[in-house]
Amino acid sequence: MAIDPTLLSILACPQDKGPLLLVGDEVLYNPRLRCAYPIENGIPVLLIDEAREVADAEHEDYVARGIASSAD
């Protein structure tokens, strides 16, 4: 289930309030803090306690596949 583009444009990281990258339909990713927030049943779980740290290789993959949530 895809996230609505309008919703994606207003979502922000709860830690640093910056934009997130949408990676597939599975995760919202903050490349600045290297933390990934899960998407469960099409609903982003933007809770700091639910985020997980991302290793170097996974970071590179997420950045390459990510779609920026900020509108240009």
N, C-alpha and C. Protein backbone atom coordinates (compact mmCIF):
# COMPACT_ATOMS: atom_id res chain seq x y z
N MET A 1 0.85 -1.17 0.00
CA MET A 1 0.00 0.00 0.00
C MET A 1 0.90 1.24 0.00
N ALA A 2 0.71 2.09 -0.98
CA ALA A 2 1.55 3.28 -1.13
C ALA A 2 1.08 4.42 -0.21
N ILE A 3 2.04 5.23 0.20
CA ILE A 3 1.72 6.40 1.01
C ILE A 3 1.30 7.53 0.09
N ASP A 4 0.24 8.20 0.44
CA ASP A 4 -0.26 9.33 -0.33
C ASP A 4 0.83 10.40 -0.47
N PRO A 5 1.07 10.91 -1.67
CA PRO A 5 2.12 11.92 -1.87
C PRO A 5 1.93 13.18 -1.02
N THR A 6 0.68 13.57 -0.79
CA THR A 6 0.42 14.75 0.04
C THR A 6 0.86 14.48 1.48
N LEU A 7 0.52 13.31 1.99
CA LEU A 7 0.95 12.93 3.34
C LEU A 7 2.47 12.87 3.41
N LEU A 8 3.07 12.26 2.41
CA LEU A 8 4.53 12.14 2.39
C LEU A 8 5.21 13.51 2.43
N SER A 9 4.62 14.50 1.78
CA SER A 9 5.23 15.83 1.72
C SER A 9 5.22 16.55 3.07
N ILE A 10 4.34 16.14 4.00
CA ILE A 10 4.28 16.82 5.30
C ILE A 10 4.91 16.02 6.44
N LEU A 11 5.27 14.78 6.18
CA LEU A 11 5.90 13.97 7.23
C LEU A 11 7.31 14.46 7.52
N ALA A 12 7.71 14.39 8.78
CA ALA A 12 9.05 14.80 9.19
C ALA A 12 9.55 13.86 10.27
N CYS A 13 10.83 13.79 10.42
CA CYS A 13 11.45 12.98 11.46
C CYS A 13 11.09 13.56 12.83
N PRO A 14 10.64 12.73 13.74
CA PRO A 14 10.28 13.24 15.07
C PRO A 14 11.50 13.68 15.90
N GLN A 15 12.70 13.26 15.49
CA GLN A 15 13.90 13.63 16.25
C GLN A 15 14.46 14.97 15.81
N ASP A 16 14.71 15.14 14.50
CA ASP A 16 15.34 16.39 14.05
C ASP A 16 14.41 17.26 13.20
N LYS A 17 13.18 16.82 13.02
CA LYS A 17 12.14 17.57 12.29
C LYS A 17 12.47 17.77 10.81
N GLY A 18 13.44 17.04 10.29
CA GLY A 18 13.83 17.17 8.89
C GLY A 18 13.06 16.21 8.00
N PRO A 19 13.26 16.34 6.68
CA PRO A 19 12.56 15.48 5.72
C PRO A 19 13.03 14.03 5.80
N LEU A 20 12.17 13.15 5.33
CA LEU A 20 12.45 11.72 5.32
C LEU A 20 12.45 11.21 3.89
N LEU A 21 13.13 10.09 3.67
CA LEU A 21 13.11 9.41 2.38
C LEU A 21 12.17 8.22 2.48
N LEU A 22 11.34 8.04 1.47
CA LEU A 22 10.49 6.86 1.39
C LEU A 22 11.27 5.79 0.65
N VAL A 23 11.46 4.65 1.27
CA VAL A 23 12.20 3.54 0.66
C VAL A 23 11.21 2.40 0.44
N GLY A 24 10.84 2.21 -0.83
CA GLY A 24 9.82 1.22 -1.14
C GLY A 24 8.53 1.59 -0.42
N ASP A 25 7.83 0.59 0.04
CA ASP A 25 6.65 0.82 0.88
C ASP A 25 6.92 0.31 2.28
N GLU A 26 8.22 0.18 2.62
CA GLU A 26 8.58 -0.50 3.86
C GLU A 26 9.11 0.40 4.95
N VAL A 27 9.71 1.54 4.59
CA VAL A 27 10.39 2.33 5.61
C VAL A 27 10.48 3.80 5.20
N LEU A 28 10.43 4.66 6.21
CA LEU A 28 10.78 6.07 6.05
C LEU A 28 12.14 6.23 6.69
N TYR A 29 13.07 6.86 5.97
CA TYR A 29 14.46 6.88 6.40
C TYR A 29 14.99 8.30 6.56
N ASN A 30 15.69 8.52 7.68
CA ASN A 30 16.36 9.79 7.93
C ASN A 30 17.85 9.56 7.72
N PRO A 31 18.40 10.02 6.58
CA PRO A 31 19.83 9.76 6.31
C PRO A 31 20.76 10.58 7.20
N ARG A 32 20.28 11.67 7.77
CA ARG A 32 21.13 12.48 8.64
C ARG A 32 21.42 11.76 9.96
N LEU A 33 20.43 11.12 10.52
CA LEU A 33 20.59 10.40 11.78
C LEU A 33 20.77 8.90 11.58
N ARG A 34 20.63 8.46 10.33
CA ARG A 34 20.73 7.04 9.98
C ARG A 34 19.76 6.19 10.80
N CYS A 35 18.50 6.62 10.80
CA CYS A 35 17.49 5.81 11.48
C CYS A 35 16.31 5.59 10.54
N ALA A 36 15.74 4.41 10.65
CA ALA A 36 14.64 3.99 9.80
C ALA A 36 13.39 3.80 10.64
N TYR A 37 12.29 4.34 10.13
CA TYR A 37 10.99 4.21 10.78
C TYR A 37 10.14 3.24 9.95
N PRO A 38 9.54 2.25 10.59
CA PRO A 38 8.76 1.27 9.84
C PRO A 38 7.45 1.84 9.31
N ILE A 39 6.96 1.19 8.27
CA ILE A 39 5.63 1.46 7.75
C ILE A 39 4.87 0.16 7.91
N GLU A 40 3.82 0.18 8.70
CA GLU A 40 3.04 -1.03 8.98
C GLU A 40 1.64 -0.87 8.41
N ASN A 41 1.29 -1.77 7.48
CA ASN A 41 -0.02 -1.73 6.83
C ASN A 41 -0.30 -0.37 6.21
N GLY A 42 0.73 0.23 5.62
CA GLY A 42 0.58 1.52 4.95
C GLY A 42 0.58 2.72 5.87
N ILE A 43 0.82 2.50 7.16
CA ILE A 43 0.80 3.58 8.14
C ILE A 43 2.21 3.79 8.69
N PRO A 44 2.79 5.00 8.50
CA PRO A 44 4.12 5.27 9.04
C PRO A 44 4.10 5.28 10.57
N VAL A 45 5.06 4.60 11.18
CA VAL A 45 5.18 4.57 12.63
C VAL A 45 6.34 5.50 13.00
N LEU A 46 6.02 6.76 13.24
CA LEU A 46 7.05 7.77 13.50
C LEU A 46 7.24 7.99 14.99
N LEU A 47 7.55 6.91 15.67
CA LEU A 47 7.84 6.95 17.10
C LEU A 47 9.34 6.72 17.27
N ILE A 48 9.98 7.58 18.04
CA ILE A 48 11.42 7.47 18.23
C ILE A 48 11.81 6.09 18.75
N ASP A 49 11.01 5.54 19.65
CA ASP A 49 11.31 4.21 20.21
C ASP A 49 11.18 3.08 19.20
N GLU A 50 10.46 3.31 18.10
CA GLU A 50 10.28 2.28 17.08
C GLU A 50 11.33 2.36 15.97
N ALA A 51 12.11 3.43 15.93
CA ALA A 51 13.14 3.60 14.91
C ALA A 51 14.29 2.64 15.18
N ARG A 52 14.97 2.28 14.11
CA ARG A 52 16.16 1.44 14.27
C ARG A 52 17.33 2.08 13.56
N GLU A 53 18.51 1.84 14.10
CA GLU A 53 19.73 2.36 13.50
C GLU A 53 20.06 1.56 12.25
N VAL A 54 20.71 2.22 11.29
CA VAL A 54 21.02 1.62 10.01
C VAL A 54 22.54 1.58 9.82
N ALA A 55 23.04 0.42 9.40
CA ALA A 55 24.48 0.23 9.14
C ALA A 55 24.87 0.90 7.82
N ASP A 56 26.18 1.01 7.58
CA ASP A 56 26.70 1.71 6.40
C ASP A 56 26.15 1.18 5.08
N ALA A 57 26.19 -0.12 4.88
CA ALA A 57 25.73 -0.70 3.61
C ALA A 57 24.24 -0.44 3.39
N GLU A 58 23.47 -0.61 4.43
CA GLU A 58 22.03 -0.36 4.33
C GLU A 58 21.75 1.12 4.10
N HIS A 59 22.55 1.99 4.71
CA HIS A 59 22.41 3.43 4.51
C HIS A 59 22.58 3.77 3.03
N GLU A 60 23.62 3.25 2.41
CA GLU A 60 23.87 3.52 0.99
C GLU A 60 22.71 3.03 0.13
N ASP A 61 22.18 1.85 0.44
CA ASP A 61 21.06 1.29 -0.30
C ASP A 61 19.82 2.18 -0.15
N TYR A 62 19.51 2.58 1.08
CA TYR A 62 18.33 3.40 1.33
C TYR A 62 18.44 4.76 0.63
N VAL A 63 19.61 5.37 0.66
CA VAL A 63 19.79 6.67 0.01
C VAL A 63 19.61 6.53 -1.51
N ALA A 64 20.14 5.44 -2.07
CA ALA A 64 20.03 5.21 -3.51
C ALA A 64 18.58 4.95 -3.93
N ARG A 65 17.82 4.23 -3.11
CA ARG A 65 16.45 3.87 -3.47
C ARG A 65 15.41 4.86 -2.97
N GLY A 66 15.79 5.76 -2.08
CA GLY A 66 14.83 6.64 -1.43
C GLY A 66 14.27 7.71 -2.33
N ILE A 67 13.02 8.06 -2.04
CA ILE A 67 12.33 9.17 -2.69
C ILE A 67 12.11 10.24 -1.65
N ALA A 68 12.62 11.43 -1.90
CA ALA A 68 12.53 12.52 -0.92
C ALA A 68 11.08 12.88 -0.66
N SER A 69 10.79 13.14 0.60
CA SER A 69 9.43 13.51 0.98
C SER A 69 9.17 14.99 0.87
N SER A 70 10.21 15.80 0.72
CA SER A 70 10.00 17.23 0.62
C SER A 70 9.64 17.61 -0.81
N ALA A 71 8.69 18.49 -0.96
CA ALA A 71 8.28 18.95 -2.30
C ALA A 71 9.27 20.00 -2.78
N ASP A 72 9.69 19.87 -4.03
CA ASP A 72 10.65 20.83 -4.61
C ASP A 72 9.93 21.95 -5.31
